[in-house]
Amino acid sequence: MAITSEKLETGTAAAKVVKRARRMTGAQRREHLIKAATCIFSQKGFSGSTTKEIAAKAKVNEALIFRHFGDKDCLFKAVIAAKFTRIKESDLSIQMKDAAVKRNDEAVFFLAARLVLERYRSEQDVLRILIYGILEHRTYIVERFEQELSPLKTFLIGYIEERAADKVFFADNPELAVFGFIGMVTHHATLGELLGEDRQPAANDEALRFYTKTILAVLKKDHNSRG
């Protein structure tokens, strides 16, 4: 039977994939598996995913997953460790810190909100895994999420305390104020993922400005009413 050029091209492409796979180092192989697992876990959660599906996505033998990670639970934790890291220094965080030096309250909180929103808009699979993790009662996902936001929360708490010393803000519990503020933003991001951007009650920047004005009104109102 004659071999068509199409079959030859298909066979060549498959051979190239196999050859590239064989050239991977151990670290590259782990990264490749984590990437495939992230895709499947974000679509189906932990309970709804299988190592067979992940292996198929990665185009590897299922046994390779067990060789590198031991079991599905360890693979899932590797995904969480890889995806939920501390928010890195970025132009937005630099602008936020600059605004803090200038005591531009509105800019500080608006940029902080943008940091949180863009973190989860840039990698939707992170937000989906977080949602599934909460539904499946996987508390360590929430703990990793808290760790990721910890530097930002610490910064905002410190800023509120500094502005309280300036007699501009008043807050009995700055940590609770920051928790509520970030909660508004993450809720907005979650609704955008679940319902779609077109069904959001407001555009992102409009919503972030509203959340910023809300937290500032609370902080300043508390100070004025107790002054």
Protein backbone atom coordinates (compact mmCIF):
# COMPACT_ATOMS: atom_id res chain seq x y z
CA MET A 1 0.00 0.00 0.00
CA ALA A 2 1.33 3.39 -0.96
CA ILE A 3 2.33 5.77 1.80
CA THR A 4 0.92 9.23 1.23
CA SER A 5 2.83 12.41 1.97
CA GLU A 6 0.21 13.27 4.59
CA LYS A 7 0.92 10.05 6.48
CA LEU A 8 4.63 10.68 6.23
CA GLU A 9 4.22 14.18 7.67
CA THR A 10 2.02 12.87 10.48
CA GLY A 11 4.50 10.15 11.32
CA THR A 12 7.39 12.60 11.20
CA ALA A 13 5.60 15.02 13.51
CA ALA A 14 4.83 12.24 16.00
CA ALA A 15 8.44 11.10 15.89
CA LYS A 16 9.61 14.62 16.63
CA VAL A 17 7.32 14.81 19.67
CA VAL A 18 8.71 11.53 20.99
CA LYS A 19 12.28 12.65 20.32
CA ARG A 20 11.76 15.96 22.13
CA ALA A 21 10.17 14.10 25.05
CA ARG A 22 13.18 11.81 25.34
CA ARG A 23 15.52 14.81 25.49
CA MET A 24 13.76 16.30 28.53
CA THR A 25 15.66 16.48 31.79
CA GLY A 26 14.01 15.30 35.01
CA ALA A 27 13.16 18.89 35.99
CA GLN A 28 11.72 19.62 32.55
CA ARG A 29 9.67 16.44 32.69
CA ARG A 30 8.20 17.43 36.07
CA GLU A 31 7.36 20.89 34.74
CA HIS A 32 5.72 19.34 31.69
CA LEU A 33 3.58 17.06 33.87
CA ILE A 34 2.64 19.91 36.21
CA LYS A 35 1.54 22.00 33.24
CA ALA A 36 -0.67 19.19 31.93
CA ALA A 37 -2.05 18.50 35.42
CA THR A 38 -2.83 22.20 35.93
CA CYS A 39 -4.95 22.18 32.80
CA ILE A 40 -6.93 19.10 33.85
CA PHE A 41 -7.32 20.09 37.52
CA SER A 42 -8.57 23.56 36.52
CA GLN A 43 -11.22 21.97 34.31
CA LYS A 44 -12.41 19.20 36.63
CA GLY A 45 -11.02 19.80 40.10
CA PHE A 46 -9.08 17.18 42.04
CA SER A 47 -11.92 14.71 42.51
CA GLY A 48 -13.05 14.82 38.90
CA SER A 49 -9.57 14.33 37.41
CA THR A 50 -7.64 11.12 36.81
CA THR A 51 -3.96 10.47 36.31
CA LYS A 52 -4.90 8.72 33.07
CA GLU A 53 -6.37 11.97 31.73
CA ILE A 54 -3.34 13.93 32.84
CA ALA A 55 -0.99 11.45 31.19
CA ALA A 56 -3.01 11.69 27.97
CA LYS A 57 -2.79 15.49 28.10
CA ALA A 58 0.96 15.30 28.64
CA LYS A 59 1.29 12.58 25.95
CA VAL A 60 3.19 10.28 28.31
CA ASN A 61 2.73 6.89 29.92
CA GLU A 62 0.67 7.11 33.12
CA ALA A 63 3.42 5.29 35.03
CA LEU A 64 5.64 8.34 34.54
CA ILE A 65 3.36 10.39 36.78
CA PHE A 66 3.74 7.90 39.62
CA ARG A 67 7.49 7.76 39.06
CA HIS A 68 7.84 11.54 39.47
CA PHE A 69 5.10 12.33 42.01
CA GLY A 70 4.06 9.07 43.71
CA ASP A 71 0.30 9.63 43.48
CA LYS A 72 -2.38 12.07 42.33
CA ASP A 73 -2.47 13.88 45.66
CA CYS A 74 1.26 14.63 45.55
CA LEU A 75 0.93 15.78 41.94
CA PHE A 76 -1.92 18.10 42.95
CA LYS A 77 0.16 19.57 45.78
CA ALA A 78 3.02 20.11 43.32
CA VAL A 79 0.62 22.05 41.08
CA ILE A 80 -0.47 24.19 44.04
CA ALA A 81 3.14 24.85 45.04
CA ALA A 82 4.00 25.85 41.47
CA LYS A 83 0.97 28.03 40.79
CA PHE A 84 0.33 29.65 44.17
CA THR A 85 3.47 31.63 44.87
CA ARG A 86 3.88 35.06 46.34
CA ILE A 87 2.85 37.92 44.06
CA LYS A 88 6.07 39.02 42.41
CA GLU A 89 7.36 42.58 42.23
CA SER A 90 5.81 44.23 39.20
CA ASP A 91 5.23 47.68 37.72
CA LEU A 92 1.90 47.81 39.59
CA SER A 93 3.49 47.03 42.97
CA ILE A 94 6.24 49.59 42.34
CA GLN A 95 3.60 52.21 41.47
CA MET A 96 1.64 51.27 44.58
CA LYS A 97 4.66 51.75 46.83
CA ASP A 98 5.46 55.05 45.15
CA ALA A 99 1.87 56.19 45.75
CA ALA A 100 2.25 55.21 49.42
CA VAL A 101 5.33 57.42 49.76
CA LYS A 102 3.30 60.28 48.28
CA ARG A 103 0.40 59.48 50.63
CA ASN A 104 -1.95 59.07 47.67
CA ASP A 105 -4.54 56.92 49.44
CA GLU A 106 -6.80 56.32 46.46
CA ALA A 107 -3.91 55.27 44.21
CA VAL A 108 -2.53 52.88 46.84
CA PHE A 109 -5.75 50.93 47.23
CA PHE A 110 -6.72 51.06 43.56
CA LEU A 111 -3.32 49.69 42.49
CA ALA A 112 -3.50 47.03 45.22
CA ALA A 113 -6.87 45.97 43.85
CA ARG A 114 -5.46 45.86 40.33
CA LEU A 115 -2.61 43.64 41.56
CA VAL A 116 -5.04 41.08 42.96
CA LEU A 117 -7.41 41.16 39.98
CA GLU A 118 -4.72 40.95 37.32
CA ARG A 119 -2.99 38.10 39.14
CA TYR A 120 -6.05 35.92 38.66
CA ARG A 121 -7.07 37.30 35.28
CA SER A 122 -3.61 36.53 33.90
CA GLU A 123 -3.84 32.88 34.95
CA GLN A 124 -7.45 31.79 34.99
CA ASP A 125 -6.50 28.22 35.86
CA VAL A 126 -5.25 29.48 39.25
CA LEU A 127 -8.65 30.95 40.10
CA ARG A 128 -10.47 27.82 38.89
CA ILE A 129 -8.25 25.54 40.97
CA LEU A 130 -8.87 27.78 43.98
CA ILE A 131 -12.65 27.61 43.46
CA TYR A 132 -12.58 23.82 43.10
CA GLY A 133 -10.31 23.54 46.13
CA ILE A 134 -12.72 25.52 48.32
CA LEU A 135 -15.67 23.40 47.14
CA GLU A 136 -13.70 20.22 47.83
CA HIS A 137 -12.64 21.45 51.30
CA ARG A 138 -8.92 21.32 50.50
CA THR A 139 -7.81 23.74 53.18
CA TYR A 140 -4.15 23.81 52.14
CA ILE A 141 -5.15 25.57 48.89
CA VAL A 142 -6.70 28.39 50.88
CA GLU A 143 -3.57 28.49 53.06
CA ARG A 144 -1.35 28.81 49.98
CA PHE A 145 -3.64 31.54 48.64
CA GLU A 146 -3.25 33.39 51.94
CA GLN A 147 0.53 33.01 51.76
CA GLU A 148 0.55 34.39 48.24
CA LEU A 149 -1.32 37.53 49.31
CA SER A 150 0.56 37.88 52.60
CA PRO A 151 3.12 40.51 51.44
CA LEU A 152 0.39 42.68 49.95
CA LYS A 153 -1.77 42.36 53.06
CA THR A 154 1.18 43.24 55.30
CA PHE A 155 1.94 46.28 53.16
CA LEU A 156 -1.66 47.57 53.26
CA ILE A 157 -1.96 46.98 57.02
CA GLY A 158 1.24 48.96 57.55
CA TYR A 159 -0.04 51.74 55.31
CA ILE A 160 -3.32 52.01 57.23
CA GLU A 161 -1.38 52.20 60.50
CA GLU A 162 0.86 54.93 59.09
CA ARG A 163 -2.14 56.95 57.92
CA ALA A 164 -3.75 56.45 61.31
CA ALA A 165 -0.62 57.98 62.84
CA ASP A 166 -1.11 60.88 60.39
CA LYS A 167 -4.65 61.17 61.85
CA VAL A 168 -6.20 60.51 58.44
CA PHE A 169 -7.43 56.94 59.02
CA PHE A 170 -8.84 55.19 62.01
CA ALA A 171 -9.20 51.42 62.25
CA ASP A 172 -9.55 49.28 65.35
CA ASN A 173 -8.54 46.30 63.23
CA PRO A 174 -6.46 47.17 60.11
CA GLU A 175 -6.08 43.46 59.33
CA LEU A 176 -9.85 43.01 59.13
CA ALA A 177 -10.17 46.11 56.95
CA VAL A 178 -7.61 44.74 54.50
CA PHE A 179 -9.22 41.30 54.58
CA GLY A 180 -12.57 42.86 53.63
CA PHE A 181 -11.03 44.98 50.88
CA ILE A 182 -9.19 42.08 49.24
CA GLY A 183 -12.33 39.98 49.70
CA MET A 184 -14.31 42.42 47.56
CA VAL A 185 -11.76 42.20 44.78
CA THR A 186 -11.43 38.40 44.84
CA HIS A 187 -15.22 38.09 44.87
CA HIS A 188 -15.35 40.28 41.77
CA ALA A 189 -12.70 38.12 40.08
CA THR A 190 -14.55 34.94 41.02
CA LEU A 191 -17.86 36.19 39.65
CA GLY A 192 -16.13 37.18 36.43
CA GLU A 193 -14.84 33.64 36.06
CA LEU A 194 -18.12 31.94 36.99
CA LEU A 195 -20.56 34.22 35.17
CA GLY A 196 -18.43 35.75 32.44
CA GLU A 197 -17.22 39.32 32.08
CA ASP A 198 -20.32 40.35 30.12
CA ARG A 199 -22.56 39.54 33.12
CA GLN A 200 -20.55 41.54 35.65
CA PRO A 201 -22.46 44.44 37.25
CA ALA A 202 -19.61 46.80 36.35
CA ALA A 203 -16.43 46.94 34.27
CA ASN A 204 -13.28 45.98 36.13
CA ASP A 205 -11.79 49.47 36.60
CA GLU A 206 -15.18 50.90 37.57
CA ALA A 207 -15.63 48.16 40.16
CA LEU A 208 -12.11 48.59 41.55
CA ARG A 209 -12.65 52.33 41.94
CA PHE A 210 -15.88 51.62 43.82
CA TYR A 211 -14.16 49.14 46.16
CA THR A 212 -11.36 51.67 46.70
CA LYS A 213 -13.80 54.46 47.58
CA THR A 214 -15.69 52.09 49.87
CA ILE A 215 -12.66 51.14 51.98
CA LEU A 216 -11.43 54.74 52.13
CA ALA A 217 -14.87 55.99 53.17
CA VAL A 218 -14.95 53.45 56.00
CA LEU A 219 -11.43 54.27 57.21
CA LYS A 220 -11.94 58.02 57.08
CA LYS A 221 -15.47 57.94 58.44
CA ASP A 222 -14.36 55.93 61.46
CA HIS A 223 -11.60 58.45 62.14
CA ASN A 224 -13.83 61.50 61.77
CA SER A 225 -16.63 60.04 63.88
CA ARG A 226 -14.24 59.24 66.72
CA GLY A 227 -12.10 62.31 66.43
